[in-house]
Amino acid sequence: MSDGRTRFGRRGFLGASAAVAASLPGIPAAAGSPNATSPPNPRPRPKADVALRWWGNNSWEVRLPGGKVVLIDPWLTRFKTGTYAKAGADPNTRIEVNRELIDRLVGSGELRADHILVTHGHYDHISDVPYLAAKTGATVIGTETHLSLLLALGAPEDQLAIATGGEFHTFDGYSIRVLRSLHSASGERAKVAFAGTRPLSRRDRPRVISDLLEGGTLAYQVQSASGFAVLNFGGSNYVEGELAGLRPDVLLLPAGGDRVAEYVPRLLRTLGFPPHVVPTHWDDFDFPLDEPAKDWGGLARLRDAVAAASPGSAFRVVDHREVFTP
């Protein structure tokens, strides 16, 4: 590396820590303690009328009644970065977009979108969004930094909608709730990889992955008109207070979270023990989408943590491009 900038691996992006790699972030407190888990309170659940397709990493396609489609962090290009290798990602890796792949998927009708939701500005979440927005005509939601990056990468300005967290948008047959959230942090100093913000007025084009700043992190709940709700986090951390009262039917839960106190049990408890927990952001994205997903090392620990904290929640692993219908 010519400029000496730090490489980032899964520790930087997902908060994994070698010192706690052998521990389970989801083991509940002892029975009788204030933090102990309790059985979920049974309540009527809405009709399951949503289907989910996983495009790897935190890329999700949410199919809603009436043919509406919401994409979350769609990243199909998956250019090699070495993020999950021992040395970590080279910050000088150039940003690439596989336009041929996107043209084929959109042109064939296999992929479409009414909305694209950006959780944060890192390369594995935002790089393909400008071109996908232009091809699909979708409205894109993100923070000021995210929109600044998207504009600089060529996204249509009239398709961008700014969010700070707290917004609740209703559309024809579905709604989108925007939540303030947190990115994973790593190391003794709890640093966020490629941290920083940039104003909308800044239009210099990002060239390498370290130019794509985190820029604030959002979470999203997508809900059909029947009330069936899917909650997604793009990083393995959250703001507990933002989640009060939410009762998602499907939780898309990132692997990692080792630096977060009671990462899994606290979240599941706050959300009322969702009936479906689907892992996200667990595959090594240096491998292509047409191969089975390769675990970077956090999947088994996440599965064990969910089982310990909420035995009644079904833990459903979805493979690349597989459709999950709850």
C-alpha atoms as a PDB file:
ATOM      1  CA  MET A   1       0.000   0.000   0.000  1.00  0.00           C
ATOM      2  CA  SER A   2       1.475   3.263  -1.067  1.00  0.00           C
ATOM      3  CA  ASP A   3      -0.196   5.510   1.514  1.00  0.00           C
ATOM      4  CA  GLY A   4       0.042   3.256   4.554  1.00  0.00           C
ATOM      5  CA  ARG A   5      -3.677   3.268   5.256  1.00  0.00           C
ATOM      6  CA  THR A   6      -4.901   0.469   7.487  1.00  0.00           C
ATOM      7  CA  ARG A   7      -6.344  -2.717   6.072  1.00  0.00           C
ATOM      8  CA  PHE A   8      -9.691  -3.799   7.465  1.00  0.00           C
ATOM      9  CA  GLY A   9     -10.968  -7.335   7.748  1.00  0.00           C
ATOM     10  CA  ARG A  10     -14.052  -8.853   9.336  1.00  0.00           C
ATOM     11  CA  ARG A  11     -13.027  -7.360  12.700  1.00  0.00           C
ATOM     12  CA  GLY A  12     -13.417  -3.884  11.280  1.00  0.00           C
ATOM     13  CA  PHE A  13     -16.661  -4.497   9.448  1.00  0.00           C
ATOM     14  CA  LEU A  14     -18.480  -6.890  11.755  1.00  0.00           C
ATOM     15  CA  GLY A  15     -16.968  -6.279  15.179  1.00  0.00           C
ATOM     16  CA  ALA A  16     -15.397  -9.720  15.574  1.00  0.00           C
ATOM     17  CA  SER A  17     -12.671  -9.998  18.165  1.00  0.00           C
ATOM     18  CA  ALA A  18     -10.078 -12.737  18.371  1.00  0.00           C
ATOM     19  CA  ALA A  19     -10.007 -12.412  22.134  1.00  0.00           C
ATOM     20  CA  VAL A  20     -13.629 -13.446  22.380  1.00  0.00           C
ATOM     21  CA  ALA A  21     -13.875 -15.675  19.343  1.00  0.00           C
ATOM     22  CA  ALA A  22     -14.417 -18.738  21.492  1.00  0.00           C
ATOM     23  CA  SER A  23     -17.240 -17.179  23.501  1.00  0.00           C
ATOM     24  CA  LEU A  24     -20.880 -17.008  22.527  1.00  0.00           C
ATOM     25  CA  PRO A  25     -22.302 -13.475  22.395  1.00  0.00           C
ATOM     26  CA  GLY A  26     -25.804 -14.808  22.966  1.00  0.00           C
ATOM     27  CA  ILE A  27     -25.574 -16.863  26.157  1.00  0.00           C
ATOM     28  CA  PRO A  28     -28.328 -15.544  28.455  1.00  0.00           C
ATOM     29  CA  ALA A  29     -27.870 -14.499  32.048  1.00  0.00           C
ATOM     30  CA  ALA A  30     -28.552 -16.925  34.880  1.00  0.00           C
ATOM     31  CA  ALA A  31     -32.178 -17.623  35.698  1.00  0.00           C
ATOM     32  CA  GLY A  32     -33.642 -15.099  38.076  1.00  0.00           C
ATOM     33  CA  SER A  33     -31.261 -12.308  37.081  1.00  0.00           C
ATOM     34  CA  PRO A  34     -32.665  -9.057  35.634  1.00  0.00           C
ATOM     35  CA  ASN A  35     -31.132  -9.905  32.253  1.00  0.00           C
ATOM     36  CA  ALA A  36     -32.439 -13.456  32.007  1.00  0.00           C
ATOM     37  CA  THR A  37     -34.486 -14.337  28.942  1.00  0.00           C
ATOM     38  CA  SER A  38     -38.111 -15.298  29.272  1.00  0.00           C
ATOM     39  CA  PRO A  39     -40.494 -17.182  26.980  1.00  0.00           C
ATOM     40  CA  PRO A  40     -42.067 -14.976  24.330  1.00  0.00           C
ATOM     41  CA  ASN A  41     -45.591 -13.786  24.998  1.00  0.00           C
ATOM     42  CA  PRO A  42     -47.892 -15.464  22.472  1.00  0.00           C
ATOM     43  CA  ARG A  43     -49.831 -13.045  20.300  1.00  0.00           C
ATOM     44  CA  PRO A  44     -51.592 -13.283  16.969  1.00  0.00           C
ATOM     45  CA  ARG A  45     -49.192 -12.944  14.070  1.00  0.00           C
ATOM     46  CA  PRO A  46     -50.153 -11.396  10.727  1.00  0.00           C
ATOM     47  CA  LYS A  47     -50.399 -13.386   7.536  1.00  0.00           C
ATOM     48  CA  ALA A  48     -46.988 -14.242   6.068  1.00  0.00           C
ATOM     49  CA  ASP A  49     -47.287 -12.603   2.655  1.00  0.00           C
ATOM     50  CA  VAL A  50     -43.652 -11.584   2.104  1.00  0.00           C
ATOM     51  CA  ALA A  51     -40.854 -13.524   0.399  1.00  0.00           C
ATOM     52  CA  LEU A  52     -37.140 -12.862   0.853  1.00  0.00           C
ATOM     53  CA  ARG A  53     -34.287 -13.555  -1.530  1.00  0.00           C
ATOM     54  CA  TRP A  54     -30.667 -13.359  -0.394  1.00  0.00           C
ATOM     55  CA  TRP A  55     -28.088 -11.990  -2.808  1.00  0.00           C
ATOM     56  CA  GLY A  56     -25.205 -12.534  -0.366  1.00  0.00           C
ATOM     57  CA  ASN A  57     -23.629 -10.252   2.237  1.00  0.00           C
ATOM     58  CA  ASN A  58     -26.456  -7.966   3.478  1.00  0.00           C
ATOM     59  CA  SER A  59     -28.123  -7.833   0.060  1.00  0.00           C
ATOM     60  CA  TRP A  60     -31.816  -8.698   0.393  1.00  0.00           C
ATOM     61  CA  GLU A  61     -34.741  -8.628  -1.982  1.00  0.00           C
ATOM     62  CA  VAL A  62     -38.055  -8.211  -0.160  1.00  0.00           C
ATOM     63  CA  ARG A  63     -40.984  -9.261  -2.339  1.00  0.00           C
ATOM     64  CA  LEU A  64     -44.297  -7.792  -1.251  1.00  0.00           C
ATOM     65  CA  PRO A  65     -47.905  -8.349  -2.324  1.00  0.00           C
ATOM     66  CA  GLY A  66     -48.894  -6.624  -5.531  1.00  0.00           C
ATOM     67  CA  GLY A  67     -45.489  -7.155  -7.101  1.00  0.00           C
ATOM     68  CA  LYS A  68     -43.692  -4.477  -5.070  1.00  0.00           C
ATOM     69  CA  VAL A  69     -40.001  -5.077  -4.381  1.00  0.00           C
ATOM     70  CA  VAL A  70     -37.657  -3.490  -1.850  1.00  0.00           C
ATOM     71  CA  LEU A  71     -33.902  -4.069  -2.096  1.00  0.00           C
ATOM     72  CA  ILE A  72     -31.643  -3.667   0.941  1.00  0.00           C
ATOM     73  CA  ASP A  73     -27.916  -2.995   0.395  1.00  0.00           C
ATOM     74  CA  PRO A  74     -27.869  -4.655  -3.037  1.00  0.00           C
ATOM     75  CA  TRP A  75     -24.271  -5.564  -3.952  1.00  0.00           C
ATOM     76  CA  LEU A  76     -23.999  -8.048  -6.794  1.00  0.00           C
ATOM     77  CA  THR A  77     -20.565  -7.252  -8.218  1.00  0.00           C
ATOM     78  CA  ARG A  78     -18.581  -8.704  -5.279  1.00  0.00           C
ATOM     79  CA  PHE A  79     -15.162  -7.545  -6.506  1.00  0.00           C
ATOM     80  CA  LYS A  80     -12.315  -9.097  -4.543  1.00  0.00           C
ATOM     81  CA  THR A  81     -11.087  -7.202  -1.483  1.00  0.00           C
ATOM     82  CA  GLY A  82      -9.532  -9.828   0.800  1.00  0.00           C
ATOM     83  CA  THR A  83     -11.740  -8.629   3.652  1.00  0.00           C
ATOM     84  CA  TYR A  84     -11.909 -12.069   5.234  1.00  0.00           C
ATOM     85  CA  ALA A  85      -8.296 -13.006   4.525  1.00  0.00           C
ATOM     86  CA  LYS A  86      -5.693 -12.720   7.269  1.00  0.00           C
ATOM     87  CA  ALA A  87      -4.341  -9.396   5.978  1.00  0.00           C
ATOM     88  CA  GLY A  88      -7.789  -7.860   5.628  1.00  0.00           C
ATOM     89  CA  ALA A  89      -9.139  -5.596   2.886  1.00  0.00           C
ATOM     90  CA  ASP A  90      -6.712  -3.338   1.040  1.00  0.00           C
ATOM     91  CA  PRO A  91      -8.174   0.198   1.354  1.00  0.00           C
ATOM     92  CA  ASN A  92      -6.773   1.025  -2.082  1.00  0.00           C
ATOM     93  CA  THR A  93      -8.892  -1.641  -3.807  1.00  0.00           C
ATOM     94  CA  ARG A  94     -10.604   0.045  -6.737  1.00  0.00           C
ATOM     95  CA  ILE A  95     -14.400   0.207  -6.828  1.00  0.00           C
ATOM     96  CA  GLU A  96     -15.937  -1.887  -9.596  1.00  0.00           C
ATOM     97  CA  VAL A  97     -19.486  -2.333 -10.915  1.00  0.00           C
ATOM     98  CA  ASN A  98     -20.454  -5.371 -12.986  1.00  0.00           C
ATOM     99  CA  ARG A  99     -22.804  -3.575 -15.365  1.00  0.00           C
ATOM    100  CA  GLU A 100     -23.151  -6.624 -17.598  1.00  0.00           C
ATOM    101  CA  LEU A 101     -24.478  -8.713 -14.704  1.00  0.00           C
ATOM    102  CA  ILE A 102     -26.866  -5.997 -13.536  1.00  0.00           C
ATOM    103  CA  ASP A 103     -28.097  -5.360 -17.094  1.00  0.00           C
ATOM    104  CA  ARG A 104     -28.817  -9.072 -17.511  1.00  0.00           C
ATOM    105  CA  LEU A 105     -30.660  -9.425 -14.192  1.00  0.00           C
ATOM    106  CA  VAL A 106     -32.739  -6.269 -14.633  1.00  0.00           C
ATOM    107  CA  GLY A 107     -33.296  -6.794 -18.344  1.00  0.00           C
ATOM    108  CA  SER A 108     -34.596 -10.321 -17.830  1.00  0.00           C
ATOM    109  CA  GLY A 109     -36.959  -9.189 -15.094  1.00  0.00           C
ATOM    110  CA  GLU A 110     -35.226 -11.363 -12.515  1.00  0.00           C
ATOM    111  CA  LEU A 111     -34.344  -8.301 -10.448  1.00  0.00           C
ATOM    112  CA  ARG A 112     -36.355  -5.127 -10.008  1.00  0.00           C
ATOM    113  CA  ALA A 113     -36.948  -2.569  -7.266  1.00  0.00           C
ATOM    114  CA  ASP A 114     -39.393   0.078  -6.143  1.00  0.00           C
ATOM    115  CA  HIS A 115     -37.155   1.128  -3.235  1.00  0.00           C
ATOM    116  CA  ILE A 116     -33.490   0.601  -2.402  1.00  0.00           C
ATOM    117  CA  LEU A 117     -32.524   0.974   1.251  1.00  0.00           C
ATOM    118  CA  VAL A 118     -28.911   1.769   2.224  1.00  0.00           C
ATOM    119  CA  THR A 119     -27.839   0.850   5.760  1.00  0.00           C
ATOM    120  CA  HIS A 120     -24.382   2.481   5.488  1.00  0.00           C
ATOM    121  CA  GLY A 121     -21.803   3.654   2.992  1.00  0.00           C
ATOM    122  CA  HIS A 122     -19.220   0.869   2.906  1.00  0.00           C
ATOM    123  CA  TYR A 123     -18.289  -0.680  -0.428  1.00  0.00           C
ATOM    124  CA  ASP A 124     -20.061  -3.985   0.222  1.00  0.00           C
ATOM    125  CA  HIS A 125     -23.345  -2.156   0.762  1.00  0.00           C
ATOM    126  CA  ILE A 126     -23.402   0.796  -1.628  1.00  0.00           C
ATOM    127  CA  SER A 127     -21.131   0.264  -4.658  1.00  0.00           C
ATOM    128  CA  ASP A 128     -23.810  -1.116  -7.023  1.00  0.00           C
ATOM    129  CA  VAL A 129     -26.656   1.106  -5.813  1.00  0.00           C
ATOM    130  CA  PRO A 130     -26.167   4.056  -8.222  1.00  0.00           C
ATOM    131  CA  TYR A 131     -26.233   1.855 -11.301  1.00  0.00           C
ATOM    132  CA  LEU A 132     -29.110  -0.263  -9.954  1.00  0.00           C
ATOM    133  CA  ALA A 133     -31.094   2.877  -9.187  1.00  0.00           C
ATOM    134  CA  ALA A 134     -30.578   4.170 -12.716  1.00  0.00           C
ATOM    135  CA  LYS A 135     -31.590   0.812 -14.236  1.00  0.00           C
ATOM    136  CA  THR A 136     -34.666   0.192 -12.073  1.00  0.00           C
ATOM    137  CA  GLY A 137     -35.929   3.711 -11.383  1.00  0.00           C
ATOM    138  CA  ALA A 138     -36.105   2.861  -7.669  1.00  0.00           C
ATOM    139  CA  THR A 139     -36.188   5.483  -4.936  1.00  0.00           C
ATOM    140  CA  VAL A 140     -33.088   5.218  -2.738  1.00  0.00           C
ATOM    141  CA  ILE A 141     -33.153   6.037   0.983  1.00  0.00           C
ATOM    142  CA  GLY A 142     -29.996   6.852   2.953  1.00  0.00           C
ATOM    143  CA  THR A 143     -28.219   9.451   5.084  1.00  0.00           C
ATOM    144  CA  GLU A 144     -26.680  12.663   3.756  1.00  0.00           C
ATOM    145  CA  THR A 145     -23.290  10.943   3.436  1.00  0.00           C
ATOM    146  CA  HIS A 146     -24.811   7.997   1.589  1.00  0.00           C
ATOM    147  CA  LEU A 147     -26.573  10.312  -0.848  1.00  0.00           C
ATOM    148  CA  SER A 148     -23.393  12.341  -1.354  1.00  0.00           C
ATOM    149  CA  LEU A 149     -21.519   9.158  -2.258  1.00  0.00           C
ATOM    150  CA  LEU A 150     -24.335   7.954  -4.503  1.00  0.00           C
ATOM    151  CA  LEU A 151     -24.513  11.248  -6.381  1.00  0.00           C
ATOM    152  CA  ALA A 152     -20.751  11.249  -6.862  1.00  0.00           C
ATOM    153  CA  LEU A 153     -21.022   7.703  -8.262  1.00  0.00           C
ATOM    154  CA  GLY A 154     -23.682   8.746 -10.783  1.00  0.00           C
ATOM    155  CA  ALA A 155     -27.019   8.019  -9.114  1.00  0.00           C
ATOM    156  CA  PRO A 156     -30.014   9.993 -10.477  1.00  0.00           C
ATOM    157  CA  GLU A 157     -30.497  12.894  -8.064  1.00  0.00           C
ATOM    158  CA  ASP A 158     -34.289  12.929  -8.343  1.00  0.00           C
ATOM    159  CA  GLN A 159     -34.442   9.325  -7.074  1.00  0.00           C
ATOM    160  CA  LEU A 160     -32.661   9.988  -3.766  1.00  0.00           C
ATOM    161  CA  ALA A 161     -34.446  10.518  -0.443  1.00  0.00           C
ATOM    162  CA  ILE A 162     -32.551  11.617   2.664  1.00  0.00           C
ATOM    163  CA  ALA A 163     -33.136  10.013   6.057  1.00  0.00           C
ATOM    164  CA  THR A 164     -31.732  10.462   9.541  1.00  0.00           C
ATOM    165  CA  GLY A 165     -33.697   7.751  11.361  1.00  0.00           C
ATOM    166  CA  GLY A 166     -37.198   8.037  12.775  1.00  0.00           C
ATOM    167  CA  GLU A 167     -38.979   8.326   9.432  1.00  0.00           C
ATOM    168  CA  PHE A 168     -42.045   6.188   8.758  1.00  0.00           C
ATOM    169  CA  HIS A 169     -43.074   6.047   5.100  1.00  0.00           C
ATOM    170  CA  THR A 170     -46.239   4.456   3.746  1.00  0.00           C
ATOM    171  CA  PHE A 171     -46.627   3.387   0.135  1.00  0.00           C
ATOM    172  CA  ASP A 172     -49.054   1.336  -1.926  1.00  0.00           C
ATOM    173  CA  GLY A 173     -49.343  -1.900   0.052  1.00  0.00           C
ATOM    174  CA  TYR A 174     -46.278  -1.557   2.279  1.00  0.00           C
ATOM    175  CA  SER A 175     -44.415   0.713   4.656  1.00  0.00           C
ATOM    176  CA  ILE A 176     -40.777   1.432   5.491  1.00  0.00           C
ATOM    177  CA  ARG A 177     -39.672   2.434   8.973  1.00  0.00           C
ATOM    178  CA  VAL A 178     -36.191   4.016   9.187  1.00  0.00           C
ATOM    179  CA  LEU A 179     -34.301   3.516  12.451  1.00  0.00           C
ATOM    180  CA  ARG A 180     -31.131   5.048  13.823  1.00  0.00           C
ATOM    181  CA  SER A 181     -28.596   2.300  14.246  1.00  0.00           C
ATOM    182  CA  LEU A 182     -24.898   1.598  14.825  1.00  0.00           C
ATOM    183  CA  HIS A 183     -22.115   0.052  12.810  1.00  0.00           C
ATOM    184  CA  SER A 184     -19.901  -2.688  14.172  1.00  0.00           C
ATOM    185  CA  ALA A 185     -16.796  -1.555  16.012  1.00  0.00           C
ATOM    186  CA  SER A 186     -13.502  -3.348  16.531  1.00  0.00           C
ATOM    187  CA  GLY A 187     -10.339  -3.393  18.586  1.00  0.00           C
ATOM    188  CA  GLU A 188      -9.582  -1.958  21.991  1.00  0.00           C
ATOM    189  CA  ARG A 189     -10.451   1.523  20.741  1.00  0.00           C
ATOM    190  CA  ALA A 190     -13.760   0.338  19.250  1.00  0.00           C
ATOM    191  CA  LYS A 191     -13.093   1.887  15.869  1.00  0.00           C
ATOM    192  CA  VAL A 192     -15.489   1.858  12.927  1.00  0.00           C
ATOM    193  CA  ALA A 193     -13.881   0.987   9.605  1.00  0.00           C
ATOM    194  CA  PHE A 194     -13.674   3.834   7.078  1.00  0.00           C
ATOM    195  CA  ALA A 195     -15.509   6.146   9.443  1.00  0.00           C
ATOM    196  CA  GLY A 196     -16.529   9.674   8.527  1.00  0.00           C
ATOM    197  CA  THR A 197     -19.160  11.795   6.853  1.00  0.00           C
ATOM    198  CA  ARG A 198     -19.377  14.055   3.804  1.00  0.00           C
ATOM    199  CA  PRO A 199     -21.877  16.768   2.806  1.00  0.00           C
ATOM    200  CA  LEU A 200     -24.264  16.634  -0.121  1.00  0.00           C
ATOM    201  CA  SER A 201     -22.358  19.475  -1.736  1.00  0.00           C
ATOM    202  CA  ARG A 202     -19.273  17.304  -2.141  1.00  0.00           C
ATOM    203  CA  ARG A 203     -19.224  15.596  -5.547  1.00  0.00           C
ATOM    204  CA  ASP A 204     -15.676  14.248  -6.014  1.00  0.00           C
ATOM    205  CA  ARG A 205     -15.972  10.683  -7.245  1.00  0.00           C
ATOM    206  CA  PRO A 206     -14.921   7.836  -4.911  1.00  0.00           C
ATOM    207  CA  ARG A 207     -12.268   5.679  -6.559  1.00  0.00           C
ATOM    208  CA  VAL A 208     -11.187   3.153  -3.922  1.00  0.00           C
ATOM    209  CA  ILE A 209     -13.040   1.411  -1.127  1.00  0.00           C
ATOM    210  CA  SER A 210     -11.646   3.645   1.620  1.00  0.00           C
ATOM    211  CA  ASP A 211     -13.403   6.571  -0.106  1.00  0.00           C
ATOM    212  CA  LEU A 212     -16.734   4.948   0.727  1.00  0.00           C
ATOM    213  CA  LEU A 213     -17.333   6.191   4.246  1.00  0.00           C
ATOM    214  CA  GLU A 214     -19.668   4.581   6.758  1.00  0.00           C
ATOM    215  CA  GLY A 215     -21.540   7.894   7.012  1.00  0.00           C
ATOM    216  CA  GLY A 216     -23.957   6.903   9.755  1.00  0.00           C
ATOM    217  CA  THR A 217     -25.800   3.596   9.977  1.00  0.00           C
ATOM    218  CA  LEU A 218     -29.518   2.969   9.577  1.00  0.00           C
ATOM    219  CA  ALA A 219     -31.732  -0.065  10.108  1.00  0.00           C
ATOM    220  CA  TYR A 220     -35.007  -0.674   8.300  1.00  0.00           C
ATOM    221  CA  GLN A 221     -38.289  -2.416   8.955  1.00  0.00           C
ATOM    222  CA  VAL A 222     -40.298  -3.255   5.832  1.00  0.00           C
ATOM    223  CA  GLN A 223     -43.920  -4.161   6.510  1.00  0.00           C
ATOM    224  CA  SER A 224     -46.702  -5.374   4.243  1.00  0.00           C
ATOM    225  CA  ALA A 225     -50.265  -4.068   4.482  1.00  0.00           C
ATOM    226  CA  SER A 226     -51.190  -7.196   6.459  1.00  0.00           C
ATOM    227  CA  GLY A 227     -48.697  -6.164   9.158  1.00  0.00           C
ATOM    228  CA  PHE A 228     -46.072  -8.807   8.373  1.00  0.00           C
ATOM    229  CA  ALA A 229     -42.722  -7.146   9.166  1.00  0.00           C
ATOM    230  CA  VAL A 230     -39.084  -7.781   8.232  1.00  0.00           C
ATOM    231  CA  LEU A 231     -36.363  -5.986  10.221  1.00  0.00           C
ATOM    232  CA  ASN A 232     -32.832  -5.661   8.853  1.00  0.00           C
ATOM    233  CA  PHE A 233     -29.568  -4.490  10.417  1.00  0.00           C
ATOM    234  CA  GLY A 234     -26.570  -3.808   8.151  1.00  0.00           C
ATOM    235  CA  GLY A 235     -24.035  -3.982  10.998  1.00  0.00           C
ATOM    236  CA  SER A 236     -23.774  -6.096  14.126  1.00  0.00           C
ATOM    237  CA  ASN A 237     -24.880  -3.392  16.556  1.00  0.00           C
ATOM    238  CA  TYR A 238     -28.046  -1.409  17.244  1.00  0.00           C
ATOM    239  CA  VAL A 239     -29.669   1.339  19.304  1.00  0.00           C
ATOM    240  CA  GLU A 240     -31.920  -0.509  21.731  1.00  0.00           C
ATOM    241  CA  GLY A 241     -34.120   2.512  22.405  1.00  0.00           C
ATOM    242  CA  GLU A 242     -35.008   2.803  18.722  1.00  0.00           C
ATOM    243  CA  LEU A 243     -36.515  -0.677  18.756  1.00  0.00           C
ATOM    244  CA  ALA A 244     -39.058  -0.237  21.543  1.00  0.00           C
ATOM    245  CA  GLY A 245     -42.425  -1.626  20.519  1.00  0.00           C
ATOM    246  CA  LEU A 246     -41.207  -3.293  17.314  1.00  0.00           C
ATOM    247  CA  ARG A 247     -42.311  -6.907  16.869  1.00  0.00           C
ATOM    248  CA  PRO A 248     -40.854  -8.085  13.551  1.00  0.00           C
ATOM    249  CA  ASP A 249     -41.892 -11.451  12.168  1.00  0.00           C
ATOM    250  CA  VAL A 250     -38.513 -11.941  10.486  1.00  0.00           C
ATOM    251  CA  LEU A 251     -35.251 -10.595  11.885  1.00  0.00           C
ATOM    252  CA  LEU A 252     -32.304 -10.399   9.457  1.00  0.00           C
ATOM    253  CA  LEU A 253     -29.472 -10.606  11.978  1.00  0.00           C
ATOM    254  CA  PRO A 254     -25.789 -10.019  11.105  1.00  0.00           C
ATOM    255  CA  ALA A 255     -23.139 -12.384  12.393  1.00  0.00           C
ATOM    256  CA  GLY A 256     -20.504 -10.912  14.713  1.00  0.00           C
ATOM    257  CA  GLY A 257     -21.364  -8.540  17.533  1.00  0.00           C
ATOM    258  CA  ASP A 258     -18.721  -9.816  19.930  1.00  0.00           C
ATOM    259  CA  ARG A 259     -17.969  -6.331  21.263  1.00  0.00           C
ATOM    260  CA  VAL A 260     -21.653  -5.622  21.961  1.00  0.00           C
ATOM    261  CA  ALA A 261     -22.916  -6.496  25.436  1.00  0.00           C
ATOM    262  CA  GLU A 262     -25.525  -9.275  25.145  1.00  0.00           C
ATOM    263  CA  TYR A 263     -25.693  -8.679  21.410  1.00  0.00           C
ATOM    264  CA  VAL A 264     -28.134 -11.482  20.630  1.00  0.00           C
ATOM    265  CA  PRO A 265     -30.226 -11.995  23.821  1.00  0.00           C
ATOM    266  CA  ARG A 266     -30.760  -8.283  24.444  1.00  0.00           C
ATOM    267  CA  LEU A 267     -31.886  -7.737  20.862  1.00  0.00           C
ATOM    268  CA  LEU A 268     -34.232 -10.726  20.767  1.00  0.00           C
ATOM    269  CA  ARG A 269     -35.695  -9.773  24.138  1.00  0.00           C
ATOM    270  CA  THR A 270     -36.284  -6.181  22.999  1.00  0.00           C
ATOM    271  CA  LEU A 271     -38.010  -7.371  19.815  1.00  0.00           C
ATOM    272  CA  GLY A 272     -40.297  -9.829  21.598  1.00  0.00           C
ATOM    273  CA  PHE A 273     -38.442 -12.946  20.410  1.00  0.00           C
ATOM    274  CA  PRO A 274     -39.157 -12.913  16.650  1.00  0.00           C
ATOM    275  CA  PRO A 275     -40.491 -16.206  15.269  1.00  0.00           C
ATOM    276  CA  HIS A 276     -37.955 -16.213  12.402  1.00  0.00           C
ATOM    277  CA  VAL A 277     -34.277 -15.249  12.671  1.00  0.00           C
ATOM    278  CA  VAL A 278     -32.337 -15.317   9.407  1.00  0.00           C
ATOM    279  CA  PRO A 279     -28.568 -14.726   9.474  1.00  0.00           C
ATOM    280  CA  THR A 280     -27.118 -12.057   7.207  1.00  0.00           C
ATOM    281  CA  HIS A 281     -23.627 -10.716   6.439  1.00  0.00           C
ATOM    282  CA  TRP A 282     -22.065 -14.132   7.178  1.00  0.00           C
ATOM    283  CA  ASP A 283     -20.578 -15.130   3.819  1.00  0.00           C
ATOM    284  CA  ASP A 284     -17.085 -14.458   2.449  1.00  0.00           C
ATOM    285  CA  PHE A 285     -17.923 -12.210  -0.478  1.00  0.00           C
ATOM    286  CA  ASP A 286     -14.642 -12.806  -2.303  1.00  0.00           C
ATOM    287  CA  PHE A 287     -16.436 -15.892  -3.631  1.00  0.00           C
ATOM    288  CA  PRO A 288     -19.047 -15.495  -6.403  1.00  0.00           C
ATOM    289  CA  LEU A 289     -22.808 -15.581  -6.033  1.00  0.00           C
ATOM    290  CA  ASP A 290     -23.174 -18.619  -8.278  1.00  0.00           C
ATOM    291  CA  GLU A 291     -21.370 -20.728  -5.671  1.00  0.00           C
ATOM    292  CA  PRO A 292     -22.751 -21.795  -2.275  1.00  0.00           C
ATOM    293  CA  ALA A 293     -22.106 -19.244   0.455  1.00  0.00           C
ATOM    294  CA  LYS A 294     -18.851 -19.719   2.385  1.00  0.00           C
ATOM    295  CA  ASP A 295     -19.013 -18.887   6.077  1.00  0.00           C
ATOM    296  CA  TRP A 296     -16.339 -16.416   7.241  1.00  0.00           C
ATOM    297  CA  GLY A 297     -16.570 -17.886  10.730  1.00  0.00           C
ATOM    298  CA  GLY A 298     -19.518 -16.307  12.547  1.00  0.00           C
ATOM    299  CA  LEU A 299     -22.476 -18.440  11.486  1.00  0.00           C
ATOM    300  CA  ALA A 300     -22.251 -21.280  14.011  1.00  0.00           C
ATOM    301  CA  ARG A 301     -21.771 -18.916  16.950  1.00  0.00           C
ATOM    302  CA  LEU A 302     -24.756 -16.857  15.844  1.00  0.00           C
ATOM    303  CA  ARG A 303     -26.889 -19.986  15.540  1.00  0.00           C
ATOM    304  CA  ASP A 304     -25.895 -21.111  19.045  1.00  0.00           C
ATOM    305  CA  ALA A 305     -26.540 -17.660  20.469  1.00  0.00           C
ATOM    306  CA  VAL A 306     -30.055 -17.514  19.023  1.00  0.00           C
ATOM    307  CA  ALA A 307     -30.857 -21.034  20.217  1.00  0.00           C
ATOM    308  CA  ALA A 308     -29.720 -20.160  23.745  1.00  0.00           C
ATOM    309  CA  ALA A 309     -31.532 -16.832  23.916  1.00  0.00           C
ATOM    310  CA  SER A 310     -34.770 -17.720  22.154  1.00  0.00           C
ATOM    311  CA  PRO A 311     -35.386 -21.458  21.634  1.00  0.00           C
ATOM    312  CA  GLY A 312     -38.766 -20.692  20.076  1.00  0.00           C
ATOM    313  CA  SER A 313     -37.243 -18.699  17.219  1.00  0.00           C
ATOM    314  CA  ALA A 314     -36.640 -20.642  14.023  1.00  0.00           C
ATOM    315  CA  PHE A 315     -33.078 -20.054  12.782  1.00  0.00           C
ATOM    316  CA  ARG A 316     -33.204 -20.278   9.000  1.00  0.00           C
ATOM    317  CA  VAL A 317     -30.012 -20.185   6.925  1.00  0.00           C
ATOM    318  CA  VAL A 318     -30.619 -19.034   3.342  1.00  0.00           C
ATOM    319  CA  ASP A 319     -28.076 -19.703   0.595  1.00  0.00           C
ATOM    320  CA  HIS A 320     -27.057 -17.406  -2.256  1.00  0.00           C
ATOM    321  CA  ARG A 321     -30.023 -16.401  -4.438  1.00  0.00           C
ATOM    322  CA  GLU A 322     -32.371 -18.670  -2.487  1.00  0.00           C
ATOM    323  CA  VAL A 323     -35.938 -17.505  -1.820  1.00  0.00           C
ATOM    324  CA  PHE A 324     -37.226 -17.833   1.742  1.00  0.00           C
ATOM    325  CA  THR A 325     -40.976 -17.743   2.316  1.00  0.00           C
ATOM    326  CA  PRO A 326     -41.774 -17.684   6.068  1.00  0.00           C
END
